[in-house]
Amino acid sequence: MKKLFILLLSSVFFIFCGKDNPKVLLFITDGSRDLELMLTREVVVMKEILEQSGFEVVITTLSADPVSVDSLVIEPDLKLNDVNPDDYSGYIFPCMAPPWEKIYDPNQEVVDFIKIISVEGKPMAAQTLSVADFAKAGILVDKKYAFTIDPDVNEYPEFKGAIYSGEGVIQDGNIITSGTCPWKERRYGIPDGTKELTQLLIKAIRAGTE
């Protein structure tokens, strides 16, 4: 009986240890007003927090080309259009401080991808200008959200029907948004939301798998 118990315990141990860590997809948008700042204090911070919490981070971009500055090189794992949403437990979209014009002209491939993954109801997090992609995809309607400004819906009609709730980190259901990032902290002194956004995403994923 003792041998049987040890055998069963060993089997459970190996099954547990062999189980893949849940995956989070991290999308890096093209263009940045300060690539070094946003890679080191946003992307790397998000990745480290997720990995330290037991998640596998899969990095994607539109092209899958290396993203580099000085001695830091980030090699994406795949192109955005090669992503299989079934493989992921959650998604995170850093700001990356692209030109402000992104709010007027977001990449349609990114917007279409957000529409697709939103149907699953899995936790999704976006920071600062990536929140504009969420708005353009229509997933913020009737949702509380954070953003860098309180948008005038006449100028930014994609935010119509969404509930602006300040610049701090806001969670409404499976959607988590932050209106401040490392670039905004450096420029305006508003505390960076990167860590809190990532930690809320982790809690939301765990809550959905319990």
N, C-alpha and C. Protein backbone atom coordinates (compact mmCIF):
# COMPACT_ATOMS: atom_id res chain seq x y z
N MET A 1 0.83 -1.20 0.00
CA MET A 1 0.00 0.00 0.00
C MET A 1 0.86 1.25 0.00
N LYS A 2 1.94 1.20 0.82
CA LYS A 2 2.86 2.34 0.89
C LYS A 2 3.52 2.57 -0.46
N LYS A 3 3.93 1.47 -1.12
CA LYS A 3 4.57 1.58 -2.44
C LYS A 3 3.60 2.18 -3.46
N LEU A 4 2.31 1.77 -3.38
CA LEU A 4 1.30 2.29 -4.29
C LEU A 4 1.11 3.78 -4.09
N PHE A 5 1.10 4.22 -2.83
CA PHE A 5 0.94 5.64 -2.52
C PHE A 5 2.11 6.46 -3.09
N ILE A 6 3.32 5.94 -2.90
CA ILE A 6 4.52 6.62 -3.41
C ILE A 6 4.48 6.71 -4.93
N LEU A 7 4.01 5.60 -5.57
CA LEU A 7 3.92 5.57 -7.03
C LEU A 7 2.92 6.61 -7.53
N LEU A 8 1.76 6.68 -6.85
CA LEU A 8 0.74 7.66 -7.24
C LEU A 8 1.23 9.08 -7.03
N LEU A 9 1.92 9.31 -5.91
CA LEU A 9 2.46 10.63 -5.61
C LEU A 9 3.49 11.04 -6.66
N SER A 10 4.32 10.09 -7.05
CA SER A 10 5.33 10.37 -8.07
C SER A 10 4.69 10.71 -9.41
N SER A 11 3.60 9.99 -9.72
CA SER A 11 2.91 10.24 -10.98
C SER A 11 2.33 11.64 -11.01
N VAL A 12 1.71 12.05 -9.90
CA VAL A 12 1.14 13.39 -9.82
C VAL A 12 2.24 14.43 -9.95
N PHE A 13 3.38 14.18 -9.30
CA PHE A 13 4.51 15.11 -9.35
C PHE A 13 5.00 15.31 -10.78
N PHE A 14 5.16 14.19 -11.50
CA PHE A 14 5.68 14.30 -12.87
C PHE A 14 4.66 14.94 -13.81
N ILE A 15 3.38 14.65 -13.58
CA ILE A 15 2.36 15.27 -14.42
C ILE A 15 2.36 16.77 -14.20
N PHE A 16 2.44 17.17 -12.91
CA PHE A 16 2.43 18.60 -12.58
C PHE A 16 3.66 19.31 -13.15
N CYS A 17 4.80 18.70 -12.97
CA CYS A 17 6.05 19.33 -13.41
C CYS A 17 6.15 19.38 -14.93
N GLY A 18 5.52 18.42 -15.58
CA GLY A 18 5.59 18.38 -17.02
C GLY A 18 4.57 19.29 -17.69
N LYS A 19 3.68 19.83 -16.89
CA LYS A 19 2.64 20.69 -17.43
C LYS A 19 3.23 22.01 -17.89
N ASP A 20 2.87 22.43 -19.10
CA ASP A 20 3.40 23.68 -19.64
C ASP A 20 2.89 24.87 -18.84
N ASN A 21 3.75 25.88 -18.70
CA ASN A 21 3.32 27.10 -18.05
C ASN A 21 2.31 27.82 -18.95
N PRO A 22 1.30 28.48 -18.37
CA PRO A 22 0.35 29.22 -19.21
C PRO A 22 1.08 30.33 -19.95
N LYS A 23 0.61 30.62 -21.16
CA LYS A 23 1.28 31.60 -22.01
C LYS A 23 0.53 32.93 -22.03
N VAL A 24 1.31 34.00 -22.04
CA VAL A 24 0.78 35.34 -22.24
C VAL A 24 1.43 35.92 -23.48
N LEU A 25 0.62 36.46 -24.37
CA LEU A 25 1.14 37.07 -25.59
C LEU A 25 1.40 38.55 -25.35
N LEU A 26 2.61 38.99 -25.67
CA LEU A 26 3.01 40.39 -25.51
C LEU A 26 3.28 40.96 -26.90
N PHE A 27 2.51 41.96 -27.29
CA PHE A 27 2.66 42.56 -28.62
C PHE A 27 3.43 43.87 -28.55
N ILE A 28 4.49 43.98 -29.34
CA ILE A 28 5.27 45.21 -29.43
C ILE A 28 4.90 45.92 -30.72
N THR A 29 4.34 47.13 -30.58
CA THR A 29 3.95 47.89 -31.76
C THR A 29 5.17 48.55 -32.41
N ASP A 30 5.04 48.87 -33.67
CA ASP A 30 6.13 49.52 -34.41
C ASP A 30 6.24 50.99 -34.02
N GLY A 31 7.47 51.50 -34.05
CA GLY A 31 7.70 52.92 -33.83
C GLY A 31 7.67 53.30 -32.36
N SER A 32 8.57 54.19 -31.95
CA SER A 32 8.59 54.66 -30.57
C SER A 32 9.34 55.98 -30.51
N ARG A 33 8.86 56.87 -29.66
CA ARG A 33 9.56 58.13 -29.45
C ARG A 33 10.80 57.96 -28.58
N ASP A 34 10.86 56.84 -27.86
CA ASP A 34 12.04 56.54 -27.04
C ASP A 34 12.10 55.02 -26.86
N LEU A 35 12.68 54.35 -27.83
CA LEU A 35 12.67 52.89 -27.84
C LEU A 35 13.42 52.30 -26.64
N GLU A 36 14.56 52.90 -26.30
CA GLU A 36 15.33 52.37 -25.17
C GLU A 36 14.52 52.42 -23.88
N LEU A 37 13.88 53.55 -23.62
CA LEU A 37 13.07 53.71 -22.41
C LEU A 37 11.95 52.68 -22.37
N MET A 38 11.24 52.55 -23.47
CA MET A 38 10.05 51.69 -23.47
C MET A 38 10.40 50.20 -23.47
N LEU A 39 11.51 49.85 -24.05
CA LEU A 39 11.94 48.44 -23.98
C LEU A 39 12.41 48.08 -22.58
N THR A 40 13.25 48.94 -22.00
CA THR A 40 13.85 48.59 -20.71
C THR A 40 12.90 48.75 -19.54
N ARG A 41 12.02 49.75 -19.60
CA ARG A 41 11.17 50.04 -18.44
C ARG A 41 9.71 49.63 -18.63
N GLU A 42 9.39 49.17 -19.83
CA GLU A 42 8.02 48.71 -20.05
C GLU A 42 8.01 47.24 -20.48
N VAL A 43 8.54 46.94 -21.65
CA VAL A 43 8.51 45.57 -22.16
C VAL A 43 9.25 44.59 -21.25
N VAL A 44 10.49 44.92 -20.90
CA VAL A 44 11.28 44.02 -20.06
C VAL A 44 10.65 43.85 -18.68
N VAL A 45 10.10 44.93 -18.13
CA VAL A 45 9.45 44.86 -16.81
C VAL A 45 8.23 43.95 -16.87
N MET A 46 7.40 44.13 -17.89
CA MET A 46 6.23 43.26 -18.06
C MET A 46 6.65 41.80 -18.17
N LYS A 47 7.63 41.55 -19.00
CA LYS A 47 8.10 40.18 -19.24
C LYS A 47 8.63 39.54 -17.96
N GLU A 48 9.44 40.29 -17.21
CA GLU A 48 10.02 39.75 -15.98
C GLU A 48 8.96 39.45 -14.93
N ILE A 49 8.00 40.34 -14.76
CA ILE A 49 6.93 40.12 -13.77
C ILE A 49 6.13 38.88 -14.14
N LEU A 50 5.80 38.74 -15.40
CA LEU A 50 5.02 37.58 -15.86
C LEU A 50 5.80 36.28 -15.67
N GLU A 51 7.07 36.29 -16.05
CA GLU A 51 7.88 35.08 -15.93
C GLU A 51 8.11 34.70 -14.47
N GLN A 52 8.33 35.70 -13.63
CA GLN A 52 8.53 35.42 -12.20
C GLN A 52 7.26 34.87 -11.56
N SER A 53 6.12 35.11 -12.20
CA SER A 53 4.84 34.61 -11.69
C SER A 53 4.45 33.28 -12.33
N GLY A 54 5.36 32.70 -13.11
CA GLY A 54 5.14 31.36 -13.65
C GLY A 54 4.53 31.31 -15.04
N PHE A 55 4.52 32.43 -15.74
CA PHE A 55 3.96 32.46 -17.09
C PHE A 55 5.08 32.41 -18.14
N GLU A 56 4.74 31.82 -19.27
CA GLU A 56 5.64 31.88 -20.43
C GLU A 56 5.20 33.07 -21.26
N VAL A 57 6.15 33.95 -21.58
CA VAL A 57 5.84 35.15 -22.36
C VAL A 57 6.25 34.92 -23.81
N VAL A 58 5.29 35.06 -24.69
CA VAL A 58 5.54 34.93 -26.13
C VAL A 58 5.43 36.33 -26.72
N ILE A 59 6.50 36.77 -27.38
CA ILE A 59 6.54 38.13 -27.93
C ILE A 59 6.24 38.10 -29.42
N THR A 60 5.35 39.00 -29.82
CA THR A 60 4.99 39.09 -31.23
C THR A 60 5.07 40.54 -31.70
N THR A 61 5.37 40.71 -32.99
CA THR A 61 5.33 42.01 -33.65
C THR A 61 4.69 41.79 -35.02
N LEU A 62 4.50 42.86 -35.75
CA LEU A 62 3.92 42.70 -37.08
C LEU A 62 4.85 41.95 -38.03
N SER A 63 6.15 42.18 -37.88
CA SER A 63 7.12 41.60 -38.82
C SER A 63 7.93 40.45 -38.27
N ALA A 64 8.01 40.35 -36.93
CA ALA A 64 8.88 39.38 -36.23
C ALA A 64 10.36 39.69 -36.40
N ASP A 65 10.69 40.89 -36.88
CA ASP A 65 12.09 41.31 -36.95
C ASP A 65 12.58 41.67 -35.55
N PRO A 66 13.89 41.53 -35.29
CA PRO A 66 14.42 41.90 -33.97
C PRO A 66 14.14 43.36 -33.63
N VAL A 67 13.87 43.61 -32.37
CA VAL A 67 13.68 44.96 -31.88
C VAL A 67 14.87 45.26 -30.98
N SER A 68 15.69 46.24 -31.35
CA SER A 68 16.94 46.42 -30.62
C SER A 68 17.29 47.88 -30.42
N VAL A 69 18.04 48.11 -29.35
CA VAL A 69 18.61 49.42 -29.07
C VAL A 69 19.84 49.20 -28.20
N ASP A 70 20.95 49.78 -28.60
CA ASP A 70 22.22 49.59 -27.89
C ASP A 70 22.50 48.10 -27.68
N SER A 71 22.64 47.68 -26.42
CA SER A 71 23.00 46.28 -26.16
C SER A 71 21.78 45.39 -25.95
N LEU A 72 20.57 45.97 -25.97
CA LEU A 72 19.36 45.19 -25.75
C LEU A 72 18.74 44.79 -27.08
N VAL A 73 18.60 43.48 -27.27
CA VAL A 73 17.97 42.95 -28.48
C VAL A 73 16.84 42.02 -28.07
N ILE A 74 15.64 42.30 -28.56
CA ILE A 74 14.50 41.44 -28.28
C ILE A 74 14.13 40.74 -29.58
N GLU A 75 14.15 39.42 -29.54
CA GLU A 75 13.81 38.60 -30.70
C GLU A 75 12.37 38.13 -30.57
N PRO A 76 11.46 38.67 -31.37
CA PRO A 76 10.08 38.19 -31.31
C PRO A 76 10.00 36.71 -31.65
N ASP A 77 9.00 36.05 -31.09
CA ASP A 77 8.82 34.62 -31.33
C ASP A 77 8.07 34.33 -32.62
N LEU A 78 7.21 35.25 -33.02
CA LEU A 78 6.43 35.04 -34.24
C LEU A 78 5.76 36.33 -34.68
N LYS A 79 5.26 36.32 -35.93
CA LYS A 79 4.51 37.46 -36.45
C LYS A 79 3.09 37.43 -35.91
N LEU A 80 2.49 38.60 -35.85
CA LEU A 80 1.15 38.70 -35.30
C LEU A 80 0.16 37.83 -36.08
N ASN A 81 0.29 37.79 -37.40
CA ASN A 81 -0.69 37.02 -38.17
C ASN A 81 -0.46 35.51 -38.10
N ASP A 82 0.59 35.10 -37.37
CA ASP A 82 0.81 33.67 -37.15
C ASP A 82 0.35 33.22 -35.76
N VAL A 83 -0.21 34.14 -35.00
CA VAL A 83 -0.63 33.82 -33.63
C VAL A 83 -1.90 32.98 -33.64
N ASN A 84 -1.90 31.92 -32.84
CA ASN A 84 -3.10 31.11 -32.62
C ASN A 84 -3.66 31.48 -31.24
N PRO A 85 -4.78 32.20 -31.18
CA PRO A 85 -5.30 32.66 -29.89
C PRO A 85 -5.57 31.52 -28.89
N ASP A 86 -5.79 30.33 -29.38
CA ASP A 86 -6.07 29.21 -28.48
C ASP A 86 -4.89 28.88 -27.57
N ASP A 87 -3.71 29.35 -27.95
CA ASP A 87 -2.49 29.00 -27.20
C ASP A 87 -2.28 29.88 -25.96
N TYR A 88 -3.08 30.92 -25.78
CA TYR A 88 -2.76 31.92 -24.76
C TYR A 88 -3.84 32.08 -23.70
N SER A 89 -3.37 32.37 -22.49
CA SER A 89 -4.28 32.60 -21.37
C SER A 89 -4.61 34.07 -21.20
N GLY A 90 -3.81 34.94 -21.80
CA GLY A 90 -4.04 36.37 -21.68
C GLY A 90 -3.14 37.14 -22.65
N TYR A 91 -3.39 38.44 -22.74
CA TYR A 91 -2.70 39.28 -23.71
C TYR A 91 -2.31 40.61 -23.06
N ILE A 92 -1.15 41.13 -23.46
CA ILE A 92 -0.73 42.43 -22.94
C ILE A 92 -0.13 43.27 -24.07
N PHE A 93 -0.55 44.53 -24.13
CA PHE A 93 -0.15 45.44 -25.20
C PHE A 93 0.54 46.66 -24.57
N PRO A 94 1.87 46.69 -24.56
CA PRO A 94 2.58 47.87 -24.05
C PRO A 94 2.25 49.11 -24.88
N CYS A 95 2.49 50.28 -24.30
CA CYS A 95 2.29 51.53 -25.02
C CYS A 95 3.35 51.69 -26.12
N MET A 96 4.60 51.60 -25.73
CA MET A 96 5.76 51.79 -26.61
C MET A 96 5.96 53.24 -27.04
N ALA A 97 5.12 54.17 -26.56
CA ALA A 97 5.27 55.60 -26.87
C ALA A 97 5.46 55.86 -28.36
N PRO A 98 4.55 55.38 -29.18
CA PRO A 98 4.63 55.70 -30.61
C PRO A 98 4.21 57.15 -30.83
N PRO A 99 4.36 57.68 -32.03
CA PRO A 99 3.88 59.04 -32.29
C PRO A 99 2.39 59.16 -31.96
N TRP A 100 1.99 60.33 -31.48
CA TRP A 100 0.60 60.54 -31.07
C TRP A 100 -0.38 60.26 -32.22
N GLU A 101 0.09 60.40 -33.46
CA GLU A 101 -0.77 60.20 -34.63
C GLU A 101 -1.37 58.80 -34.67
N LYS A 102 -0.78 57.87 -33.89
CA LYS A 102 -1.31 56.50 -33.87
C LYS A 102 -2.78 56.49 -33.47
N ILE A 103 -3.18 57.43 -32.62
CA ILE A 103 -4.56 57.46 -32.16
C ILE A 103 -5.52 57.72 -33.32
N TYR A 104 -5.04 58.45 -34.33
CA TYR A 104 -5.87 58.73 -35.50
C TYR A 104 -5.80 57.61 -36.53
N ASP A 105 -4.69 56.93 -36.56
CA ASP A 105 -4.47 55.94 -37.63
C ASP A 105 -3.83 54.67 -37.08
N PRO A 106 -4.56 53.91 -36.26
CA PRO A 106 -4.00 52.66 -35.72
C PRO A 106 -3.84 51.62 -36.83
N ASN A 107 -2.93 50.69 -36.61
CA ASN A 107 -2.72 49.65 -37.61
C ASN A 107 -3.93 48.72 -37.66
N GLN A 108 -4.49 48.54 -38.84
CA GLN A 108 -5.72 47.77 -38.98
C GLN A 108 -5.51 46.30 -38.64
N GLU A 109 -4.33 45.76 -38.92
CA GLU A 109 -4.06 44.36 -38.59
C GLU A 109 -4.12 44.15 -37.07
N VAL A 110 -3.60 45.11 -36.33
CA VAL A 110 -3.64 45.03 -34.87
C VAL A 110 -5.08 45.13 -34.38
N VAL A 111 -5.82 46.08 -34.92
CA VAL A 111 -7.22 46.27 -34.53
C VAL A 111 -8.04 45.00 -34.81
N ASP A 112 -7.84 44.41 -35.98
CA ASP A 112 -8.57 43.19 -36.34
C ASP A 112 -8.21 42.04 -35.40
N PHE A 113 -6.93 41.96 -35.01
CA PHE A 113 -6.50 40.92 -34.08
C PHE A 113 -7.18 41.10 -32.73
N ILE A 114 -7.26 42.33 -32.25
CA ILE A 114 -7.91 42.60 -30.96
C ILE A 114 -9.38 42.20 -31.02
N LYS A 115 -10.04 42.47 -32.12
CA LYS A 115 -11.44 42.05 -32.27
C LYS A 115 -11.57 40.54 -32.15
N ILE A 116 -10.65 39.82 -32.77
CA ILE A 116 -10.71 38.35 -32.76
C ILE A 116 -10.52 37.81 -31.35
N ILE A 117 -9.49 38.29 -30.64
CA ILE A 117 -9.21 37.72 -29.32
C ILE A 117 -10.22 38.17 -28.27
N SER A 118 -10.88 39.30 -28.50
CA SER A 118 -11.85 39.80 -27.51
C SER A 118 -13.04 38.86 -27.39
N VAL A 119 -13.34 38.12 -28.43
CA VAL A 119 -14.49 37.21 -28.43
C VAL A 119 -14.29 36.10 -27.40
N GLU A 120 -13.02 35.76 -27.12
CA GLU A 120 -12.73 34.65 -26.20
C GLU A 120 -13.03 34.99 -24.75
N GLY A 121 -13.02 36.29 -24.42
CA GLY A 121 -13.26 36.69 -23.04
C GLY A 121 -12.07 36.49 -22.13
N LYS A 122 -10.88 36.25 -22.69
CA LYS A 122 -9.68 36.10 -21.88
C LYS A 122 -9.18 37.48 -21.44
N PRO A 123 -8.43 37.55 -20.33
CA PRO A 123 -7.93 38.85 -19.87
C PRO A 123 -7.03 39.52 -20.90
N MET A 124 -7.25 40.83 -21.08
CA MET A 124 -6.50 41.63 -22.03
C MET A 124 -6.09 42.93 -21.36
N ALA A 125 -4.82 43.31 -21.51
CA ALA A 125 -4.32 44.53 -20.87
C ALA A 125 -3.66 45.43 -21.92
N ALA A 126 -3.91 46.72 -21.80
CA ALA A 126 -3.31 47.68 -22.73
C ALA A 126 -2.87 48.92 -21.96
N GLN A 127 -1.75 49.48 -22.40
CA GLN A 127 -1.21 50.66 -21.73
C GLN A 127 -1.15 51.86 -22.68
N THR A 128 -1.62 53.00 -22.19
CA THR A 128 -1.57 54.31 -22.84
C THR A 128 -2.02 54.25 -24.29
N LEU A 129 -1.14 54.46 -25.28
CA LEU A 129 -1.62 54.56 -26.65
C LEU A 129 -2.13 53.25 -27.22
N SER A 130 -1.80 52.12 -26.61
CA SER A 130 -2.40 50.86 -27.06
C SER A 130 -3.86 50.78 -26.66
N VAL A 131 -4.27 51.59 -25.69
CA VAL A 131 -5.69 51.65 -25.33
C VAL A 131 -6.50 52.16 -26.52
N ALA A 132 -5.89 53.01 -27.34
CA ALA A 132 -6.57 53.51 -28.55
C ALA A 132 -6.89 52.37 -29.50
N ASP A 133 -6.03 51.36 -29.55
CA ASP A 133 -6.30 50.18 -30.40
C ASP A 133 -7.52 49.42 -29.86
N PHE A 134 -7.61 49.31 -28.54
CA PHE A 134 -8.78 48.67 -27.93
C PHE A 134 -10.05 49.44 -28.31
N ALA A 135 -9.97 50.78 -28.24
CA ALA A 135 -11.13 51.61 -28.57
C ALA A 135 -11.53 51.43 -30.04
N LYS A 136 -10.54 51.43 -30.91
CA LYS A 136 -10.80 51.29 -32.35
C LYS A 136 -11.43 49.93 -32.65
N ALA A 137 -11.08 48.93 -31.85
CA ALA A 137 -11.64 47.58 -32.06
C ALA A 137 -13.07 47.48 -31.50
N GLY A 138 -13.51 48.52 -30.79
CA GLY A 138 -14.87 48.55 -30.29
C GLY A 138 -15.11 47.77 -29.01
N ILE A 139 -14.03 47.42 -28.30
CA ILE A 139 -14.21 46.56 -27.12
C ILE A 139 -14.33 47.35 -25.82
N LEU A 140 -14.28 48.69 -25.90
CA LEU A 140 -14.40 49.50 -24.69
C LEU A 140 -15.81 50.04 -24.47
N VAL A 141 -16.70 49.78 -25.39
CA VAL A 141 -18.08 50.26 -25.25
C VAL A 141 -18.69 49.73 -23.95
N ASP A 142 -19.24 50.64 -23.16
CA ASP A 142 -19.85 50.31 -21.86
C ASP A 142 -18.84 49.80 -20.83
N LYS A 143 -17.57 50.02 -21.10
CA LYS A 143 -16.51 49.60 -20.18
C LYS A 143 -15.82 50.82 -19.58
N LYS A 144 -15.45 50.73 -18.30
CA LYS A 144 -14.59 51.74 -17.70
C LYS A 144 -13.17 51.52 -18.22
N TYR A 145 -12.48 52.61 -18.52
CA TYR A 145 -11.13 52.47 -19.05
C TYR A 145 -10.27 53.66 -18.62
N ALA A 146 -8.96 53.46 -18.64
CA ALA A 146 -7.99 54.52 -18.37
C ALA A 146 -7.34 54.93 -19.68
N PHE A 147 -6.98 56.20 -19.77
CA PHE A 147 -6.30 56.68 -20.98
C PHE A 147 -5.50 57.92 -20.63
N THR A 148 -4.64 58.31 -21.52
CA THR A 148 -3.76 59.45 -21.28
C THR A 148 -4.50 60.78 -21.24
N ILE A 149 -5.69 60.84 -21.88
CA ILE A 149 -6.55 62.02 -21.84
C ILE A 149 -8.00 61.54 -21.74
N ASP A 150 -8.89 62.47 -21.43
CA ASP A 150 -10.32 62.20 -21.53
C ASP A 150 -10.72 62.59 -22.95
N PRO A 151 -10.89 61.62 -23.84
CA PRO A 151 -11.05 61.95 -25.26
C PRO A 151 -12.37 62.66 -25.58
N ASP A 152 -12.27 63.64 -26.43
CA ASP A 152 -13.46 64.27 -27.00
C ASP A 152 -13.98 63.32 -28.08
N VAL A 153 -15.16 62.78 -27.88
CA VAL A 153 -15.66 61.75 -28.82
C VAL A 153 -15.99 62.32 -30.19
N ASN A 154 -16.09 63.64 -30.29
CA ASN A 154 -16.27 64.24 -31.62
C ASN A 154 -14.97 64.16 -32.42
N GLU A 155 -13.86 64.28 -31.68
CA GLU A 155 -12.55 64.18 -32.32
C GLU A 155 -12.07 62.75 -32.40
N TYR A 156 -12.42 61.95 -31.38
CA TYR A 156 -12.02 60.55 -31.33
C TYR A 156 -13.27 59.67 -31.17
N PRO A 157 -14.03 59.50 -32.25
CA PRO A 157 -15.32 58.79 -32.16
C PRO A 157 -15.20 57.33 -31.74
N GLU A 158 -14.01 56.75 -31.86
CA GLU A 158 -13.83 55.35 -31.45
C GLU A 158 -14.06 55.16 -29.95
N PHE A 159 -13.97 56.25 -29.17
CA PHE A 159 -14.18 56.16 -27.72
C PHE A 159 -15.65 56.37 -27.32
N LYS A 160 -16.51 56.59 -28.28
CA LYS A 160 -17.92 56.83 -27.98
C LYS A 160 -18.53 55.60 -27.30
N GLY A 161 -19.23 55.83 -26.21
CA GLY A 161 -19.86 54.73 -25.49
C GLY A 161 -18.98 54.11 -24.42
N ALA A 162 -17.69 54.46 -24.41
CA ALA A 162 -16.77 53.96 -23.38
C ALA A 162 -16.79 54.92 -22.20
N ILE A 163 -16.40 54.44 -21.03
CA ILE A 163 -16.50 55.23 -19.80
C ILE A 163 -15.10 55.61 -19.31
N TYR A 164 -14.69 56.84 -19.62
CA TYR A 164 -13.36 57.29 -19.19
C TYR A 164 -13.30 57.37 -17.67
N SER A 165 -12.25 56.79 -17.09
CA SER A 165 -12.16 56.70 -15.62
C SER A 165 -10.82 57.14 -15.08
N GLY A 166 -10.13 58.03 -15.80
CA GLY A 166 -8.88 58.58 -15.31
C GLY A 166 -7.65 58.01 -15.98
N GLU A 167 -6.49 58.38 -15.43
CA GLU A 167 -5.20 57.98 -16.02
C GLU A 167 -4.60 56.76 -15.33
N GLY A 168 -5.10 56.43 -14.14
CA GLY A 168 -4.54 55.30 -13.42
C GLY A 168 -4.97 53.98 -14.04
N VAL A 169 -4.60 52.88 -13.41
CA VAL A 169 -4.91 51.56 -13.94
C VAL A 169 -6.35 51.18 -13.56
N ILE A 170 -7.11 50.75 -14.55
CA ILE A 170 -8.52 50.42 -14.36
C ILE A 170 -8.80 49.02 -14.90
N GLN A 171 -9.57 48.25 -14.14
CA GLN A 171 -10.02 46.94 -14.62
C GLN A 171 -11.54 46.93 -14.67
N ASP A 172 -12.07 46.50 -15.80
CA ASP A 172 -13.52 46.31 -15.95
C ASP A 172 -13.72 44.96 -16.61
N GLY A 173 -14.08 43.97 -15.81
CA GLY A 173 -14.20 42.62 -16.33
C GLY A 173 -12.85 42.08 -16.76
N ASN A 174 -12.78 41.60 -17.98
CA ASN A 174 -11.53 41.02 -18.47
C ASN A 174 -10.62 42.04 -19.14
N ILE A 175 -11.03 43.31 -19.16
CA ILE A 175 -10.24 44.34 -19.83
C ILE A 175 -9.57 45.24 -18.79
N ILE A 176 -8.24 45.36 -18.91
CA ILE A 176 -7.44 46.14 -17.98
C ILE A 176 -6.69 47.20 -18.79
N THR A 177 -6.79 48.45 -18.35
CA THR A 177 -6.15 49.53 -19.10
C THR A 177 -5.38 50.46 -18.17
N SER A 178 -4.37 51.09 -18.73
CA SER A 178 -3.54 52.04 -17.98
C SER A 178 -3.34 53.28 -18.84
N GLY A 179 -3.51 54.46 -18.23
CA GLY A 179 -3.34 55.70 -18.97
C GLY A 179 -1.99 56.35 -18.79
N THR A 180 -1.06 55.62 -18.19
CA THR A 180 0.27 56.19 -17.98
C THR A 180 1.34 55.11 -18.12
N CYS A 181 2.51 55.52 -18.55
CA CYS A 181 3.58 54.57 -18.90
C CYS A 181 4.93 55.21 -18.56
N PRO A 182 6.04 54.55 -18.81
CA PRO A 182 7.34 55.14 -18.49
C PRO A 182 7.59 56.49 -19.19
N TRP A 183 7.16 56.60 -20.43
CA TRP A 183 7.37 57.86 -21.16
C TRP A 183 6.59 59.00 -20.52
N LYS A 184 5.35 58.70 -20.13
CA LYS A 184 4.52 59.74 -19.52
C LYS A 184 5.03 60.10 -18.12
N GLU A 185 5.55 59.10 -17.41
CA GLU A 185 6.12 59.38 -16.10
C GLU A 185 7.32 60.31 -16.23
N ARG A 186 8.19 60.02 -17.19
CA ARG A 186 9.38 60.86 -17.38
C ARG A 186 9.01 62.27 -17.85
N ARG A 187 8.01 62.36 -18.73
CA ARG A 187 7.64 63.65 -19.32
C ARG A 187 6.80 64.51 -18.37
N TYR A 188 5.85 63.85 -17.66
CA TYR A 188 4.90 64.63 -16.86
C TYR A 188 4.91 64.30 -15.37
N GLY A 189 5.71 63.33 -14.97
CA GLY A 189 5.79 62.99 -13.55
C GLY A 189 4.62 62.18 -13.04
N ILE A 190 3.80 61.64 -13.94
CA ILE A 190 2.65 60.82 -13.53
C ILE A 190 3.14 59.37 -13.35
N PRO A 191 2.91 58.75 -12.20
CA PRO A 191 3.45 57.42 -11.92
C PRO A 191 3.15 56.39 -13.02
N ASP A 192 4.15 55.68 -13.41
CA ASP A 192 4.07 54.64 -14.44
C ASP A 192 3.14 53.51 -14.00
N GLY A 193 2.28 53.06 -14.89
CA GLY A 193 1.33 51.99 -14.54
C GLY A 193 1.76 50.60 -14.93
N THR A 194 2.99 50.44 -15.44
CA THR A 194 3.42 49.15 -15.99
C THR A 194 3.28 48.00 -15.01
N LYS A 195 3.81 48.14 -13.81
CA LYS A 195 3.78 47.04 -12.85
C LYS A 195 2.36 46.69 -12.43
N GLU A 196 1.57 47.71 -12.10
CA GLU A 196 0.20 47.45 -11.65
C GLU A 196 -0.63 46.80 -12.75
N LEU A 197 -0.48 47.28 -13.97
CA LEU A 197 -1.21 46.71 -15.11
C LEU A 197 -0.88 45.23 -15.26
N THR A 198 0.40 44.90 -15.20
CA THR A 198 0.84 43.51 -15.37
C THR A 198 0.35 42.64 -14.23
N GLN A 199 0.43 43.16 -13.02
CA GLN A 199 -0.01 42.38 -11.86
C GLN A 199 -1.52 42.12 -11.89
N LEU A 200 -2.30 43.10 -12.35
CA LEU A 200 -3.74 42.89 -12.48
C LEU A 200 -4.07 41.87 -13.56
N LEU A 201 -3.28 41.87 -14.63
CA LEU A 201 -3.48 40.85 -15.67
C LEU A 201 -3.24 39.47 -15.10
N ILE A 202 -2.19 39.32 -14.32
CA ILE A 202 -1.87 38.02 -13.70
C ILE A 202 -3.01 37.56 -12.81
N LYS A 203 -3.53 38.47 -11.98
CA LYS A 203 -4.65 38.11 -11.09
C LYS A 203 -5.88 37.71 -11.90
N ALA A 204 -6.14 38.43 -12.98
CA ALA A 204 -7.32 38.12 -13.81
C ALA A 204 -7.19 36.76 -14.47
N ILE A 205 -5.98 36.43 -14.93
CA ILE A 205 -5.78 35.12 -15.55
C ILE A 205 -5.97 34.03 -14.54
N ARG A 206 -5.37 34.21 -13.37
CA ARG A 206 -5.49 33.18 -12.32
C ARG A 206 -6.93 33.02 -11.86
N ALA A 207 -7.65 34.12 -11.76
CA ALA A 207 -9.06 34.05 -11.34
C ALA A 207 -9.90 33.28 -12.35
N GLY A 208 -9.52 33.40 -13.61
CA GLY A 208 -10.28 32.72 -14.66
C GLY A 208 -9.95 31.26 -14.80
N THR A 209 -8.85 30.82 -14.17
CA THR A 209 -8.45 29.42 -14.28
C THR A 209 -8.67 28.64 -12.99
N GLU A 210 -9.15 29.30 -11.96
CA GLU A 210 -9.36 28.63 -10.67
C GLU A 210 -10.63 27.78 -10.70
